[in-house]
Amino acid sequence: QQAYSIMVYLESKLGERGVVAFFLQHASLSAVDPRAVD
């Protein structure tokens, strides 16, 4: 549920296309800098 809420939060900042772009940018990595989420 926390993971889902992160995406909802990112949508409030980045918009729908921004969430998809965020996922595509980071999904190929083994770690994501927490600062990218804030």
PDB file of all heavy atoms in Angstrom:
ATOM      1  N   GLN A   1       0.821  -1.199   0.000  1.00  0.00           N
ATOM      2  CA  GLN A   1       0.000   0.000   0.000  1.00  0.00           C
ATOM      3  C   GLN A   1       0.864   1.262   0.000  1.00  0.00           C
ATOM      4  O   GLN A   1       0.532   2.257  -0.660  1.00  0.00           O
ATOM      5  CB  GLN A   1      -0.944  -0.027   1.201  1.00  0.00           C
ATOM      6  CG  GLN A   1      -1.976  -1.143   1.097  1.00  0.00           C
ATOM      7  CD  GLN A   1      -2.916  -1.202   2.288  1.00  0.00           C
ATOM      8  OE1 GLN A   1      -3.252  -0.169   2.863  1.00  0.00           O
ATOM      9  NE2 GLN A   1      -3.345  -2.382   2.648  1.00  0.00           N
ATOM     10  N   GLN A   2       1.973   1.211   0.713  1.00  0.00           N
ATOM     11  CA  GLN A   2       2.898   2.343   0.677  1.00  0.00           C
ATOM     12  C   GLN A   2       3.478   2.517  -0.730  1.00  0.00           C
ATOM     13  O   GLN A   2       3.583   3.643  -1.230  1.00  0.00           O
ATOM     14  CB  GLN A   2       4.026   2.129   1.690  1.00  0.00           C
ATOM     15  CG  GLN A   2       3.591   2.275   3.136  1.00  0.00           C
ATOM     16  CD  GLN A   2       4.704   1.966   4.111  1.00  0.00           C
ATOM     17  OE1 GLN A   2       5.630   1.205   3.812  1.00  0.00           O
ATOM     18  NE2 GLN A   2       4.626   2.544   5.302  1.00  0.00           N
ATOM     19  N   ALA A   3       3.834   1.415  -1.355  1.00  0.00           N
ATOM     20  CA  ALA A   3       4.395   1.484  -2.710  1.00  0.00           C
ATOM     21  C   ALA A   3       3.398   2.104  -3.676  1.00  0.00           C
ATOM     22  O   ALA A   3       3.752   2.943  -4.516  1.00  0.00           O
ATOM     23  CB  ALA A   3       4.794   0.090  -3.176  1.00  0.00           C
ATOM     24  N   TYR A   4       2.144   1.691  -3.568  1.00  0.00           N
ATOM     25  CA  TYR A   4       1.105   2.268  -4.418  1.00  0.00           C
ATOM     26  C   TYR A   4       0.965   3.763  -4.159  1.00  0.00           C
ATOM     27  O   TYR A   4       0.857   4.578  -5.092  1.00  0.00           O
ATOM     28  CB  TYR A   4      -0.217   1.547  -4.163  1.00  0.00           C
ATOM     29  CG  TYR A   4      -1.412   2.214  -4.803  1.00  0.00           C
ATOM     30  CD1 TYR A   4      -1.477   2.406  -6.177  1.00  0.00           C
ATOM     31  CD2 TYR A   4      -2.473   2.665  -4.027  1.00  0.00           C
ATOM     32  CE1 TYR A   4      -2.565   3.034  -6.763  1.00  0.00           C
ATOM     33  CE2 TYR A   4      -3.570   3.280  -4.593  1.00  0.00           C
ATOM     34  CZ  TYR A   4      -3.612   3.467  -5.965  1.00  0.00           C
ATOM     35  OH  TYR A   4      -4.691   4.091  -6.543  1.00  0.00           O
ATOM     36  N   SER A   5       1.002   4.143  -2.889  1.00  0.00           N
ATOM     37  CA  SER A   5       0.818   5.559  -2.548  1.00  0.00           C
ATOM     38  C   SER A   5       1.972   6.411  -3.065  1.00  0.00           C
ATOM     39  O   SER A   5       1.781   7.602  -3.348  1.00  0.00           O
ATOM     40  CB  SER A   5       0.659   5.733  -1.032  1.00  0.00           C
ATOM     41  OG  SER A   5       1.886   5.573  -0.344  1.00  0.00           O
ATOM     42  N   ILE A   6       3.156   5.827  -3.189  1.00  0.00           N
ATOM     43  CA  ILE A   6       4.278   6.575  -3.769  1.00  0.00           C
ATOM     44  C   ILE A   6       3.948   6.966  -5.206  1.00  0.00           C
ATOM     45  O   ILE A   6       4.197   8.099  -5.640  1.00  0.00           O
ATOM     46  CB  ILE A   6       5.570   5.733  -3.727  1.00  0.00           C
ATOM     47  CG1 ILE A   6       6.049   5.568  -2.281  1.00  0.00           C
ATOM     48  CG2 ILE A   6       6.675   6.391  -4.569  1.00  0.00           C
ATOM     49  CD1 ILE A   6       7.196   4.581  -2.131  1.00  0.00           C
ATOM     50  N   MET A   7       3.372   6.036  -5.959  1.00  0.00           N
ATOM     51  CA  MET A   7       3.024   6.334  -7.343  1.00  0.00           C
ATOM     52  C   MET A   7       1.918   7.397  -7.428  1.00  0.00           C
ATOM     53  O   MET A   7       1.935   8.263  -8.302  1.00  0.00           O
ATOM     54  CB  MET A   7       2.573   5.056  -8.054  1.00  0.00           C
ATOM     55  CG  MET A   7       3.632   3.987  -8.141  1.00  0.00           C
ATOM     56  SD  MET A   7       5.076   4.513  -9.081  1.00  0.00           S
ATOM     57  CE  MET A   7       6.384   4.152  -7.908  1.00  0.00           C
ATOM     58  N   VAL A   8       0.955   7.319  -6.512  1.00  0.00           N
ATOM     59  CA  VAL A   8      -0.104   8.331  -6.476  1.00  0.00           C
ATOM     60  C   VAL A   8       0.499   9.696  -6.159  1.00  0.00           C
ATOM     61  O   VAL A   8       0.123  10.723  -6.748  1.00  0.00           O
ATOM     62  CB  VAL A   8      -1.192   7.951  -5.457  1.00  0.00           C
ATOM     63  CG1 VAL A   8      -2.260   9.041  -5.378  1.00  0.00           C
ATOM     64  CG2 VAL A   8      -1.831   6.619  -5.828  1.00  0.00           C
ATOM     65  N   TYR A   9       1.450   9.709  -5.230  1.00  0.00           N
ATOM     66  CA  TYR A   9       2.142  10.950  -4.892  1.00  0.00           C
ATOM     67  C   TYR A   9       2.910  11.489  -6.094  1.00  0.00           C
ATOM     68  O   TYR A   9       2.823  12.686  -6.415  1.00  0.00           O
ATOM     69  CB  TYR A   9       3.091  10.710  -3.719  1.00  0.00           C
ATOM     70  CG  TYR A   9       4.161  11.753  -3.561  1.00  0.00           C
ATOM     71  CD1 TYR A   9       3.826  13.092  -3.322  1.00  0.00           C
ATOM     72  CD2 TYR A   9       5.510  11.418  -3.647  1.00  0.00           C
ATOM     73  CE1 TYR A   9       4.812  14.062  -3.184  1.00  0.00           C
ATOM     74  CE2 TYR A   9       6.502  12.374  -3.510  1.00  0.00           C
ATOM     75  CZ  TYR A   9       6.151  13.693  -3.287  1.00  0.00           C
ATOM     76  OH  TYR A   9       7.119  14.647  -3.165  1.00  0.00           O
ATOM     77  N   LEU A  10       3.646  10.620  -6.774  1.00  0.00           N
ATOM     78  CA  LEU A  10       4.403  11.060  -7.944  1.00  0.00           C
ATOM     79  C   LEU A  10       3.473  11.601  -9.035  1.00  0.00           C
ATOM     80  O   LEU A  10       3.815  12.566  -9.730  1.00  0.00           O
ATOM     81  CB  LEU A  10       5.251   9.915  -8.484  1.00  0.00           C
ATOM     82  CG  LEU A  10       6.440   9.494  -7.616  1.00  0.00           C
ATOM     83  CD1 LEU A  10       7.148   8.286  -8.223  1.00  0.00           C
ATOM     84  CD2 LEU A  10       7.421  10.649  -7.440  1.00  0.00           C
ATOM     85  N   GLU A  11       2.294  10.992  -9.156  1.00  0.00           N
ATOM     86  CA  GLU A  11       1.342  11.497 -10.143  1.00  0.00           C
ATOM     87  C   GLU A  11       0.906  12.924  -9.800  1.00  0.00           C
ATOM     88  O   GLU A  11       0.693  13.757 -10.704  1.00  0.00           O
ATOM     89  CB  GLU A  11       0.126  10.582 -10.228  1.00  0.00           C
ATOM     90  CG  GLU A  11      -0.867  11.018 -11.296  1.00  0.00           C
ATOM     91  CD  GLU A  11      -2.079  10.115 -11.406  1.00  0.00           C
ATOM     92  OE1 GLU A  11      -2.265   9.245 -10.525  1.00  0.00           O
ATOM     93  OE2 GLU A  11      -2.850  10.274 -12.372  1.00  0.00           O
ATOM     94  N   SER A  12       0.769  13.216  -8.507  1.00  0.00           N
ATOM     95  CA  SER A  12       0.374  14.564  -8.107  1.00  0.00           C
ATOM     96  C   SER A  12       1.439  15.590  -8.464  1.00  0.00           C
ATOM     97  O   SER A  12       1.141  16.773  -8.649  1.00  0.00           O
ATOM     98  CB  SER A  12       0.095  14.608  -6.594  1.00  0.00           C
ATOM     99  OG  SER A  12       1.303  14.555  -5.836  1.00  0.00           O
ATOM    100  N   LYS A  13       2.705  15.137  -8.576  1.00  0.00           N
ATOM    101  CA  LYS A  13       3.804  16.028  -8.921  1.00  0.00           C
ATOM    102  C   LYS A  13       4.106  16.032 -10.415  1.00  0.00           C
ATOM    103  O   LYS A  13       4.367  17.081 -11.006  1.00  0.00           O
ATOM    104  CB  LYS A  13       5.080  15.591  -8.192  1.00  0.00           C
ATOM    105  CG  LYS A  13       5.087  15.783  -6.695  1.00  0.00           C
ATOM    106  CD  LYS A  13       6.373  15.267  -6.082  1.00  0.00           C
ATOM    107  CE  LYS A  13       7.603  15.904  -6.736  1.00  0.00           C
ATOM    108  NZ  LYS A  13       8.871  15.386  -6.161  1.00  0.00           N
ATOM    109  N   LEU A  14       4.077  14.848 -11.024  1.00  0.00           N
ATOM    110  CA  LEU A  14       4.582  14.677 -12.381  1.00  0.00           C
ATOM    111  C   LEU A  14       3.495  14.500 -13.428  1.00  0.00           C
ATOM    112  O   LEU A  14       3.773  14.597 -14.625  1.00  0.00           O
ATOM    113  CB  LEU A  14       5.519  13.452 -12.433  1.00  0.00           C
ATOM    114  CG  LEU A  14       6.663  13.414 -11.418  1.00  0.00           C
ATOM    115  CD1 LEU A  14       7.401  12.082 -11.517  1.00  0.00           C
ATOM    116  CD2 LEU A  14       7.606  14.588 -11.626  1.00  0.00           C
ATOM    117  N   GLY A  15       2.282  14.174 -12.980  1.00  0.00           N
ATOM    118  CA  GLY A  15       1.229  13.847 -13.926  1.00  0.00           C
ATOM    119  C   GLY A  15       1.314  12.396 -14.366  1.00  0.00           C
ATOM    120  O   GLY A  15       2.275  11.684 -14.060  1.00  0.00           O
ATOM    121  N   GLU A  16       0.298  11.946 -15.091  1.00  0.00           N
ATOM    122  CA  GLU A  16       0.237  10.546 -15.514  1.00  0.00           C
ATOM    123  C   GLU A  16       1.442  10.146 -16.350  1.00  0.00           C
ATOM    124  O   GLU A  16       2.078   9.124 -16.087  1.00  0.00           O
ATOM    125  CB  GLU A  16      -1.046  10.321 -16.313  1.00  0.00           C
ATOM    126  CG  GLU A  16      -1.185   8.908 -16.872  1.00  0.00           C
ATOM    127  CD  GLU A  16      -2.427   8.748 -17.725  1.00  0.00           C
ATOM    128  OE1 GLU A  16      -3.512   9.170 -17.267  1.00  0.00           O
ATOM    129  OE2 GLU A  16      -2.317   8.227 -18.849  1.00  0.00           O
ATOM    130  N   ARG A  17       1.772  10.947 -17.386  1.00  0.00           N
ATOM    131  CA  ARG A  17       2.901  10.592 -18.240  1.00  0.00           C
ATOM    132  C   ARG A  17       4.202  10.633 -17.460  1.00  0.00           C
ATOM    133  O   ARG A  17       5.135   9.873 -17.746  1.00  0.00           O
ATOM    134  CB  ARG A  17       2.986  11.532 -19.448  1.00  0.00           C
ATOM    135  CG  ARG A  17       1.738  11.603 -20.326  1.00  0.00           C
ATOM    136  CD  ARG A  17       1.118  10.248 -20.573  1.00  0.00           C
ATOM    137  NE  ARG A  17       2.046   9.278 -21.125  1.00  0.00           N
ATOM    138  CZ  ARG A  17       1.809   7.987 -21.211  1.00  0.00           C
ATOM    139  NH1 ARG A  17       0.678   7.483 -20.741  1.00  0.00           N
ATOM    140  NH2 ARG A  17       2.703   7.175 -21.723  1.00  0.00           N
ATOM    141  N   GLY A  18       4.269  11.509 -16.470  1.00  0.00           N
ATOM    142  CA  GLY A  18       5.469  11.593 -15.661  1.00  0.00           C
ATOM    143  C   GLY A  18       5.708  10.344 -14.838  1.00  0.00           C
ATOM    144  O   GLY A  18       6.857   9.919 -14.650  1.00  0.00           O
ATOM    145  N   VAL A  19       4.634   9.731 -14.317  1.00  0.00           N
ATOM    146  CA  VAL A  19       4.781   8.487 -13.557  1.00  0.00           C
ATOM    147  C   VAL A  19       5.303   7.378 -14.461  1.00  0.00           C
ATOM    148  O   VAL A  19       6.202   6.613 -14.091  1.00  0.00           O
ATOM    149  CB  VAL A  19       3.443   8.070 -12.914  1.00  0.00           C
ATOM    150  CG1 VAL A  19       3.580   6.708 -12.232  1.00  0.00           C
ATOM    151  CG2 VAL A  19       2.991   9.110 -11.912  1.00  0.00           C
ATOM    152  N   VAL A  20       4.746   7.272 -15.660  1.00  0.00           N
ATOM    153  CA  VAL A  20       5.211   6.252 -16.603  1.00  0.00           C
ATOM    154  C   VAL A  20       6.676   6.488 -16.943  1.00  0.00           C
ATOM    155  O   VAL A  20       7.486   5.549 -16.960  1.00  0.00           O
ATOM    156  CB  VAL A  20       4.348   6.256 -17.880  1.00  0.00           C
ATOM    157  CG1 VAL A  20       4.910   5.271 -18.903  1.00  0.00           C
ATOM    158  CG2 VAL A  20       2.903   5.909 -17.551  1.00  0.00           C
ATOM    159  N   ALA A  21       7.048   7.739 -17.201  1.00  0.00           N
ATOM    160  CA  ALA A  21       8.435   8.064 -17.524  1.00  0.00           C
ATOM    161  C   ALA A  21       9.356   7.744 -16.355  1.00  0.00           C
ATOM    162  O   ALA A  21      10.469   7.226 -16.540  1.00  0.00           O
ATOM    163  CB  ALA A  21       8.556   9.540 -17.908  1.00  0.00           C
ATOM    164  N   PHE A  22       8.902   8.029 -15.135  1.00  0.00           N
ATOM    165  CA  PHE A  22       9.697   7.725 -13.942  1.00  0.00           C
ATOM    166  C   PHE A  22       9.951   6.220 -13.854  1.00  0.00           C
ATOM    167  O   PHE A  22      11.083   5.782 -13.597  1.00  0.00           O
ATOM    168  CB  PHE A  22       8.961   8.210 -12.698  1.00  0.00           C
ATOM    169  CG  PHE A  22       9.710   7.985 -11.410  1.00  0.00           C
ATOM    170  CD1 PHE A  22      10.529   8.972 -10.887  1.00  0.00           C
ATOM    171  CD2 PHE A  22       9.585   6.792 -10.708  1.00  0.00           C
ATOM    172  CE1 PHE A  22      11.219   8.770  -9.696  1.00  0.00           C
ATOM    173  CE2 PHE A  22      10.263   6.575  -9.522  1.00  0.00           C
ATOM    174  CZ  PHE A  22      11.090   7.572  -9.013  1.00  0.00           C
ATOM    175  N   PHE A  23       8.895   5.443 -14.052  1.00  0.00           N
ATOM    176  CA  PHE A  23       9.058   3.994 -13.992  1.00  0.00           C
ATOM    177  C   PHE A  23      10.023   3.505 -15.064  1.00  0.00           C
ATOM    178  O   PHE A  23      10.949   2.728 -14.782  1.00  0.00           O
ATOM    179  CB  PHE A  23       7.710   3.298 -14.160  1.00  0.00           C
ATOM    180  CG  PHE A  23       7.806   1.802 -14.278  1.00  0.00           C
ATOM    181  CD1 PHE A  23       7.971   1.014 -13.154  1.00  0.00           C
ATOM    182  CD2 PHE A  23       7.763   1.183 -15.521  1.00  0.00           C
ATOM    183  CE1 PHE A  23       8.093  -0.371 -13.256  1.00  0.00           C
ATOM    184  CE2 PHE A  23       7.873  -0.190 -15.638  1.00  0.00           C
ATOM    185  CZ  PHE A  23       8.042  -0.970 -14.499  1.00  0.00           C
ATOM    186  N   LEU A  24       9.830   3.942 -16.285  1.00  0.00           N
ATOM    187  CA  LEU A  24      10.688   3.480 -17.380  1.00  0.00           C
ATOM    188  C   LEU A  24      12.137   3.908 -17.172  1.00  0.00           C
ATOM    189  O   LEU A  24      13.062   3.190 -17.571  1.00  0.00           O
ATOM    190  CB  LEU A  24      10.166   4.003 -18.717  1.00  0.00           C
ATOM    191  CG  LEU A  24       8.778   3.491 -19.132  1.00  0.00           C
ATOM    192  CD1 LEU A  24       8.344   4.145 -20.437  1.00  0.00           C
ATOM    193  CD2 LEU A  24       8.788   1.970 -19.265  1.00  0.00           C
ATOM    194  N   GLN A  25      12.345   5.039 -16.546  1.00  0.00           N
ATOM    195  CA  GLN A  25      13.698   5.515 -16.298  1.00  0.00           C
ATOM    196  C   GLN A  25      14.414   4.678 -15.249  1.00  0.00           C
ATOM    197  O   GLN A  25      15.619   4.432 -15.351  1.00  0.00           O
ATOM    198  CB  GLN A  25      13.656   6.977 -15.840  1.00  0.00           C
ATOM    199  CG  GLN A  25      15.025   7.559 -15.477  1.00  0.00           C
ATOM    200  CD  GLN A  25      14.935   8.972 -14.934  1.00  0.00           C
ATOM    201  OE1 GLN A  25      13.856   9.579 -14.916  1.00  0.00           O
ATOM    202  NE2 GLN A  25      16.042   9.512 -14.489  1.00  0.00           N
ATOM    203  N   HIS A  26      13.658   4.204 -14.239  1.00  0.00           N
ATOM    204  CA  HIS A  26      14.295   3.547 -13.101  1.00  0.00           C
ATOM    205  C   HIS A  26      14.105   2.032 -13.045  1.00  0.00           C
ATOM    206  O   HIS A  26      14.801   1.361 -12.279  1.00  0.00           O
ATOM    207  CB  HIS A  26      13.767   4.152 -11.793  1.00  0.00           C
ATOM    208  CG  HIS A  26      14.149   5.587 -11.599  1.00  0.00           C
ATOM    209  ND1 HIS A  26      13.327   6.633 -11.987  1.00  0.00           N
ATOM    210  CD2 HIS A  26      15.255   6.162 -11.070  1.00  0.00           C
ATOM    211  CE1 HIS A  26      13.908   7.780 -11.693  1.00  0.00           C
ATOM    212  NE2 HIS A  26      15.074   7.528 -11.128  1.00  0.00           N
ATOM    213  N   ALA A  27      13.194   1.486 -13.837  1.00  0.00           N
ATOM    214  CA  ALA A  27      12.887   0.055 -13.715  1.00  0.00           C
ATOM    215  C   ALA A  27      14.044  -0.845 -14.132  1.00  0.00           C
ATOM    216  O   ALA A  27      14.101  -1.998 -13.722  1.00  0.00           O
ATOM    217  CB  ALA A  27      11.647  -0.288 -14.547  1.00  0.00           C
ATOM    218  N   SER A  28      14.950  -0.338 -14.923  1.00  0.00           N
ATOM    219  CA  SER A  28      16.084  -1.158 -15.355  1.00  0.00           C
ATOM    220  C   SER A  28      17.249  -1.098 -14.368  1.00  0.00           C
ATOM    221  O   SER A  28      18.278  -1.741 -14.572  1.00  0.00           O
ATOM    222  CB  SER A  28      16.564  -0.687 -16.732  1.00  0.00           C
ATOM    223  OG  SER A  28      16.997   0.671 -16.672  1.00  0.00           O
ATOM    224  N   LEU A  29      17.073  -0.365 -13.281  1.00  0.00           N
ATOM    225  CA  LEU A  29      18.133  -0.206 -12.284  1.00  0.00           C
ATOM    226  C   LEU A  29      17.907  -1.122 -11.103  1.00  0.00           C
ATOM    227  O   LEU A  29      16.813  -1.596 -10.862  1.00  0.00           O
ATOM    228  CB  LEU A  29      18.177   1.252 -11.798  1.00  0.00           C
ATOM    229  CG  LEU A  29      18.268   2.331 -12.884  1.00  0.00           C
ATOM    230  CD1 LEU A  29      18.203   3.720 -12.247  1.00  0.00           C
ATOM    231  CD2 LEU A  29      19.544   2.160 -13.696  1.00  0.00           C
ATOM    232  N   SER A  30      19.003  -1.368 -10.335  1.00  0.00           N
ATOM    233  CA  SER A  30      18.845  -2.181  -9.140  1.00  0.00           C
ATOM    234  C   SER A  30      18.588  -1.367  -7.893  1.00  0.00           C
ATOM    235  O   SER A  30      18.240  -1.913  -6.859  1.00  0.00           O
ATOM    236  CB  SER A  30      20.081  -3.048  -8.894  1.00  0.00           C
ATOM    237  OG  SER A  30      21.189  -2.642  -9.483  1.00  0.00           O
ATOM    238  N   ALA A  31      18.677  -0.058  -8.001  1.00  0.00           N
ATOM    239  CA  ALA A  31      18.408   0.812  -6.858  1.00  0.00           C
ATOM    240  C   ALA A  31      17.936   2.167  -7.385  1.00  0.00           C
ATOM    241  O   ALA A  31      18.300   2.569  -8.489  1.00  0.00           O
ATOM    242  CB  ALA A  31      19.651   0.993  -5.995  1.00  0.00           C
ATOM    243  N   VAL A  32      17.139   2.830  -6.591  1.00  0.00           N
ATOM    244  CA  VAL A  32      16.654   4.161  -6.918  1.00  0.00           C
ATOM    245  C   VAL A  32      16.987   5.074  -5.749  1.00  0.00           C
ATOM    246  O   VAL A  32      16.674   4.763  -4.596  1.00  0.00           O
ATOM    247  CB  VAL A  32      15.129   4.166  -7.179  1.00  0.00           C
ATOM    248  CG1 VAL A  32      14.646   5.585  -7.475  1.00  0.00           C
ATOM    249  CG2 VAL A  32      14.773   3.234  -8.315  1.00  0.00           C
ATOM    250  N   ASP A  33      17.636   6.177  -6.031  1.00  0.00           N
ATOM    251  CA  ASP A  33      17.982   7.146  -5.002  1.00  0.00           C
ATOM    252  C   ASP A  33      16.692   7.676  -4.362  1.00  0.00           C
ATOM    253  O   ASP A  33      15.813   8.178  -5.076  1.00  0.00           O
ATOM    254  CB  ASP A  33      18.761   8.298  -5.630  1.00  0.00           C
ATOM    255  CG  ASP A  33      19.358   9.248  -4.587  1.00  0.00           C
ATOM    256  OD1 ASP A  33      18.763   9.394  -3.500  1.00  0.00           O
ATOM    257  OD2 ASP A  33      20.408   9.845  -4.877  1.00  0.00           O
ATOM    258  N   PRO A  34      16.551   7.548  -3.040  1.00  0.00           N
ATOM    259  CA  PRO A  34      15.334   8.051  -2.377  1.00  0.00           C
ATOM    260  C   PRO A  34      15.036   9.515  -2.690  1.00  0.00           C
ATOM    261  O   PRO A  34      13.887   9.941  -2.645  1.00  0.00           O
ATOM    262  CB  PRO A  34      15.634   7.846  -0.890  1.00  0.00           C
ATOM    263  CG  PRO A  34      16.625   6.723  -0.860  1.00  0.00           C
ATOM    264  CD  PRO A  34      17.472   6.899  -2.092  1.00  0.00           C
ATOM    265  N   ARG A  35      16.094  10.275  -3.029  1.00  0.00           N
ATOM    266  CA  ARG A  35      15.882  11.685  -3.348  1.00  0.00           C
ATOM    267  C   ARG A  35      15.073  11.853  -4.627  1.00  0.00           C
ATOM    268  O   ARG A  35      14.434  12.896  -4.842  1.00  0.00           O
ATOM    269  CB  ARG A  35      17.228  12.388  -3.481  1.00  0.00           C
ATOM    270  CG  ARG A  35      17.947  12.576  -2.136  1.00  0.00           C
ATOM    271  CD  ARG A  35      19.323  13.159  -2.325  1.00  0.00           C
ATOM    272  NE  ARG A  35      20.200  12.242  -3.061  1.00  0.00           N
ATOM    273  CZ  ARG A  35      21.483  12.485  -3.315  1.00  0.00           C
ATOM    274  NH1 ARG A  35      22.030  13.625  -2.924  1.00  0.00           N
ATOM    275  NH2 ARG A  35      22.210  11.595  -3.972  1.00  0.00           N
ATOM    276  N   ALA A  36      15.081  10.816  -5.484  1.00  0.00           N
ATOM    277  CA  ALA A  36      14.283  10.881  -6.711  1.00  0.00           C
ATOM    278  C   ALA A  36      12.795  10.845  -6.393  1.00  0.00           C
ATOM    279  O   ALA A  36      11.961  11.316  -7.172  1.00  0.00           O
ATOM    280  CB  ALA A  36      14.657   9.729  -7.650  1.00  0.00           C
ATOM    281  N   VAL A  37      12.456  10.245  -5.243  1.00  0.00           N
ATOM    282  CA  VAL A  37      11.061  10.174  -4.804  1.00  0.00           C
ATOM    283  C   VAL A  37      10.711  11.367  -3.925  1.00  0.00           C
ATOM    284  O   VAL A  37       9.590  11.881  -3.973  1.00  0.00           O
ATOM    285  CB  VAL A  37      10.799   8.857  -4.043  1.00  0.00           C
ATOM    286  CG1 VAL A  37       9.389   8.835  -3.469  1.00  0.00           C
ATOM    287  CG2 VAL A  37      11.037   7.665  -4.950  1.00  0.00           C
ATOM    288  N   ASP A  38      11.684  11.827  -3.130  1.00  0.00           N
ATOM    289  CA  ASP A  38      11.461  12.882  -2.135  1.00  0.00           C
ATOM    290  C   ASP A  38      10.557  12.357  -1.020  1.00  0.00           C
ATOM    291  O   ASP A  38       9.360  12.639  -0.967  1.00  0.00           O
ATOM    292  CB  ASP A  38      10.864  14.138  -2.781  1.00  0.00           C
ATOM    293  CG  ASP A  38      10.612  15.270  -1.772  1.00  0.00           C
ATOM    294  OD1 ASP A  38      11.100  15.176  -0.629  1.00  0.00           O
ATOM    295  OD2 ASP A  38       9.896  16.217  -2.126  1.00  0.00           O
TER     296      ASP A  38
END
